[in-house]
């Protein structure tokens, strides 16, 4: 039982409260707090978030989401670039790419993969983080993801953030598994 989506804001750190309900009572079964994946959401931008019940309950049938707090943050420039180089599925999803930093040193650089399902609108099934760490100006670093993923995943959004920069979101569809003959 989880609730996930994109949230929109303006250069703010966002805290989110999800309230889980059943079909029987108006009283909530559980209230869980969380935050967005990106530390800073650019003006008119979005960030995925994922909030899960601490005690999964099959009685949960509904959820409401409330934006709880907004803490002003310094804005970041969209100067990170991600390029995918290879993607295939055997038993695991194998995805690789190149991460390119902007024109200044950066720390706390991460690449994110937010996996989603086929529902409309899509639900986020999981988020994987590939830590990159410190980067020199304009440095290019290869990265790779090689793990089992939720079999309901049909694609993922690829994005990144560092202490000073962020990237665009790139939507990538997951190919059908390769069958060995």
Protein backbone atom coordinates (compact mmCIF):
# COMPACT_ATOMS: atom_id res chain seq x y z
CA UNK A 1 0.00 0.00 0.00
CA UNK A 2 1.76 3.08 -1.18
CA UNK A 3 1.08 6.43 -2.75
CA UNK A 4 3.37 7.92 -5.31
CA UNK A 5 3.31 10.66 -7.89
CA UNK A 6 5.06 13.84 -8.94
CA UNK A 7 4.75 17.00 -6.88
CA UNK A 8 5.17 20.52 -8.24
CA UNK A 9 6.63 23.49 -6.36
CA UNK A 10 8.87 26.52 -6.71
CA UNK A 11 12.49 26.27 -5.50
CA UNK A 12 11.42 24.63 -2.22
CA UNK A 13 12.13 21.61 -0.07
CA UNK A 14 8.80 19.82 0.29
CA UNK A 15 7.49 17.55 3.04
CA UNK A 16 4.46 15.40 2.24
CA UNK A 17 1.93 13.65 4.48
CA UNK A 18 0.04 10.62 3.15
CA UNK A 19 -3.07 9.42 4.98
CA UNK A 20 -4.25 5.86 4.32
CA UNK A 21 -7.95 4.85 4.59
CA UNK A 22 -10.15 1.81 4.16
CA UNK A 23 -13.71 1.68 2.74
CA UNK A 24 -15.32 1.23 6.17
CA UNK A 25 -14.36 4.21 8.31
CA UNK A 26 -13.67 7.91 7.93
CA UNK A 27 -10.81 7.53 10.44
CA UNK A 28 -7.40 7.00 8.89
CA UNK A 29 -5.67 3.65 9.24
CA UNK A 30 -2.25 5.31 9.19
CA UNK A 31 -0.51 8.64 8.56
CA UNK A 32 3.01 8.63 7.08
CA UNK A 33 5.30 11.57 6.37
CA UNK A 34 7.90 11.72 3.60
CA UNK A 35 9.63 14.01 1.17
CA UNK A 36 10.49 14.39 -2.46
CA UNK A 37 13.43 12.66 -4.12
CA UNK A 38 14.96 15.95 -5.30
CA UNK A 39 16.24 18.25 -2.55
CA UNK A 40 15.24 21.32 -4.53
CA UNK A 41 12.30 21.43 -6.94
CA UNK A 42 12.90 24.04 -9.65
CA UNK A 43 10.29 26.64 -10.49
CA UNK A 44 7.36 24.96 -12.33
CA UNK A 45 9.20 21.63 -11.97
CA UNK A 46 8.21 18.32 -10.43
CA UNK A 47 9.87 15.67 -8.30
CA UNK A 48 8.82 12.09 -7.75
CA UNK A 49 8.04 10.98 -4.22
CA UNK A 50 7.21 7.63 -2.70
CA UNK A 51 5.46 7.14 0.62
CA UNK A 52 4.72 3.63 1.85
CA UNK A 53 2.66 2.37 4.75
CA UNK A 54 4.88 1.33 7.67
CA UNK A 55 2.64 -1.68 8.24
CA UNK A 56 1.28 -2.82 4.86
CA UNK A 57 -2.42 -3.48 5.22
CA UNK A 58 -4.63 -5.06 2.52
CA UNK A 59 -7.56 -3.04 3.89
CA UNK A 60 -6.02 0.20 2.58
CA UNK A 61 -8.08 1.25 -0.43
CA UNK A 62 -7.57 5.01 -0.52
CA UNK A 63 -4.90 7.58 0.21
CA UNK A 64 -4.82 11.34 0.40
CA UNK A 65 -1.70 13.46 0.07
CA UNK A 66 -1.10 16.82 1.72
CA UNK A 67 1.86 19.11 1.10
CA UNK A 68 2.95 19.77 4.65
CA UNK A 69 5.90 22.20 4.66
CA UNK A 70 7.81 24.31 2.20
CA UNK A 71 11.33 25.38 3.18
CA UNK A 72 12.91 27.92 0.85
CA UNK A 73 16.11 26.75 -0.76
CA UNK A 74 18.74 28.22 -2.99
CA UNK A 75 17.87 27.50 -6.60
CA UNK A 76 19.96 25.13 -8.71
CA UNK A 77 20.87 25.33 -12.39
CA UNK A 78 19.84 22.67 -14.89
CA UNK A 79 23.41 21.89 -15.97
CA UNK A 80 23.70 18.12 -15.39
CA UNK A 81 23.35 15.83 -18.39
CA UNK A 82 22.53 12.12 -18.55
CA UNK A 83 23.02 9.96 -21.61
CA UNK A 84 21.89 6.34 -21.75
CA UNK A 85 24.30 4.02 -23.54
CA UNK A 86 22.86 0.53 -23.10
CA UNK A 87 19.73 -1.14 -21.76
CA UNK A 88 18.64 -4.77 -21.77
CA UNK A 89 16.80 -7.28 -19.61
CA UNK A 90 17.81 -10.86 -18.90
CA UNK A 91 17.10 -11.86 -15.31
CA UNK A 92 17.96 -8.33 -14.17
CA UNK A 93 17.64 -4.91 -15.74
CA UNK A 94 21.05 -3.75 -17.00
CA UNK A 95 21.23 -0.05 -17.77
CA UNK A 96 24.30 2.10 -18.32
CA UNK A 97 24.98 5.68 -19.20
CA UNK A 98 27.22 8.72 -18.92
CA UNK A 99 26.74 11.41 -16.25
CA UNK A 100 28.13 14.85 -17.21
CA UNK A 101 28.65 17.57 -14.60
CA UNK A 102 28.13 21.29 -15.19
CA UNK A 103 30.82 23.99 -15.23
CA UNK A 104 31.54 23.98 -11.46
CA UNK A 105 32.69 21.41 -8.91
CA UNK A 106 29.81 19.41 -7.44
CA UNK A 107 29.29 17.14 -4.46
CA UNK A 108 26.52 14.76 -3.45
CA UNK A 109 25.83 13.90 -7.10
CA UNK A 110 23.30 11.10 -7.63
CA UNK A 111 21.55 9.47 -10.56
CA UNK A 112 17.97 8.36 -9.89
CA UNK A 113 15.78 5.79 -11.64
CA UNK A 114 12.08 6.07 -10.69
CA UNK A 115 10.34 2.89 -11.91
CA UNK A 116 6.66 3.14 -12.87
CA UNK A 117 3.85 0.78 -13.91
CA UNK A 118 1.33 0.78 -16.78
CA UNK A 119 -1.51 2.54 -14.89
CA UNK A 120 -2.75 5.95 -16.06
CA UNK A 121 -1.44 8.01 -14.42
CA UNK A 122 1.54 5.76 -13.72
CA UNK A 123 2.35 4.77 -10.14
CA UNK A 124 5.94 4.82 -8.97
CA UNK A 125 6.91 1.28 -7.96
CA UNK A 126 10.40 2.00 -6.69
CA UNK A 127 13.27 4.44 -6.84
CA UNK A 128 16.92 3.42 -7.16
CA UNK A 129 19.80 5.74 -6.44
CA UNK A 130 23.23 5.47 -8.04
CA UNK A 131 25.61 7.55 -5.90
CA UNK A 132 28.23 9.42 -7.92
CA UNK A 133 29.68 11.69 -5.19
CA UNK A 134 32.12 14.50 -5.97
CA UNK A 135 32.69 15.70 -9.53
CA UNK A 136 35.08 18.10 -11.20
CA UNK A 137 33.76 20.78 -13.60
CA UNK A 138 32.48 19.24 -16.87
CA UNK A 139 33.60 15.77 -15.72
CA UNK A 140 32.00 12.75 -17.40
CA UNK A 141 31.46 9.63 -15.29
CA UNK A 142 30.04 6.32 -16.54
CA UNK A 143 27.39 4.65 -14.38
CA UNK A 144 25.62 1.30 -14.41
CA UNK A 145 22.50 -0.20 -12.88
CA UNK A 146 22.27 -4.01 -12.74
CA UNK A 147 19.51 -5.30 -10.42
CA UNK A 148 16.22 -7.11 -10.28
CA UNK A 149 13.29 -4.75 -10.60
CA UNK A 150 9.60 -5.02 -9.86
CA UNK A 151 8.16 -7.13 -12.74
CA UNK A 152 5.24 -4.66 -13.04
CA UNK A 153 7.70 -1.95 -14.18
CA UNK A 154 7.20 -0.83 -17.78
CA UNK A 155 9.63 2.09 -17.70
CA UNK A 156 11.53 4.54 -15.56
CA UNK A 157 12.35 8.21 -15.34
CA UNK A 158 16.07 8.94 -15.29
CA UNK A 159 17.19 12.15 -13.56
CA UNK A 160 20.02 13.50 -11.40
CA UNK A 161 20.88 16.10 -8.82
CA UNK A 162 23.99 17.40 -7.06
CA UNK A 163 24.52 20.10 -4.46
CA UNK A 164 24.49 22.80 -7.19
CA UNK A 165 22.93 21.34 -10.36
CA UNK A 166 20.09 19.14 -11.61
CA UNK A 167 19.12 17.48 -14.90
CA UNK A 168 16.08 17.04 -17.07
CA UNK A 169 13.89 13.98 -16.60
CA UNK A 170 14.30 11.36 -19.33
CA UNK A 171 11.59 8.74 -19.79
CA UNK A 172 12.96 5.30 -20.71
CA UNK A 173 10.80 2.29 -21.61
CA UNK A 174 12.01 -1.08 -20.39
CA UNK A 175 12.52 -3.48 -23.33
CA UNK A 176 11.10 -7.00 -23.30
CA UNK A 177 13.48 -9.52 -21.72
CA UNK A 178 16.08 -11.03 -24.03
CA UNK A 179 15.58 -14.78 -24.28
CA UNK A 180 18.68 -16.91 -24.71
CA UNK A 181 18.37 -19.51 -27.46
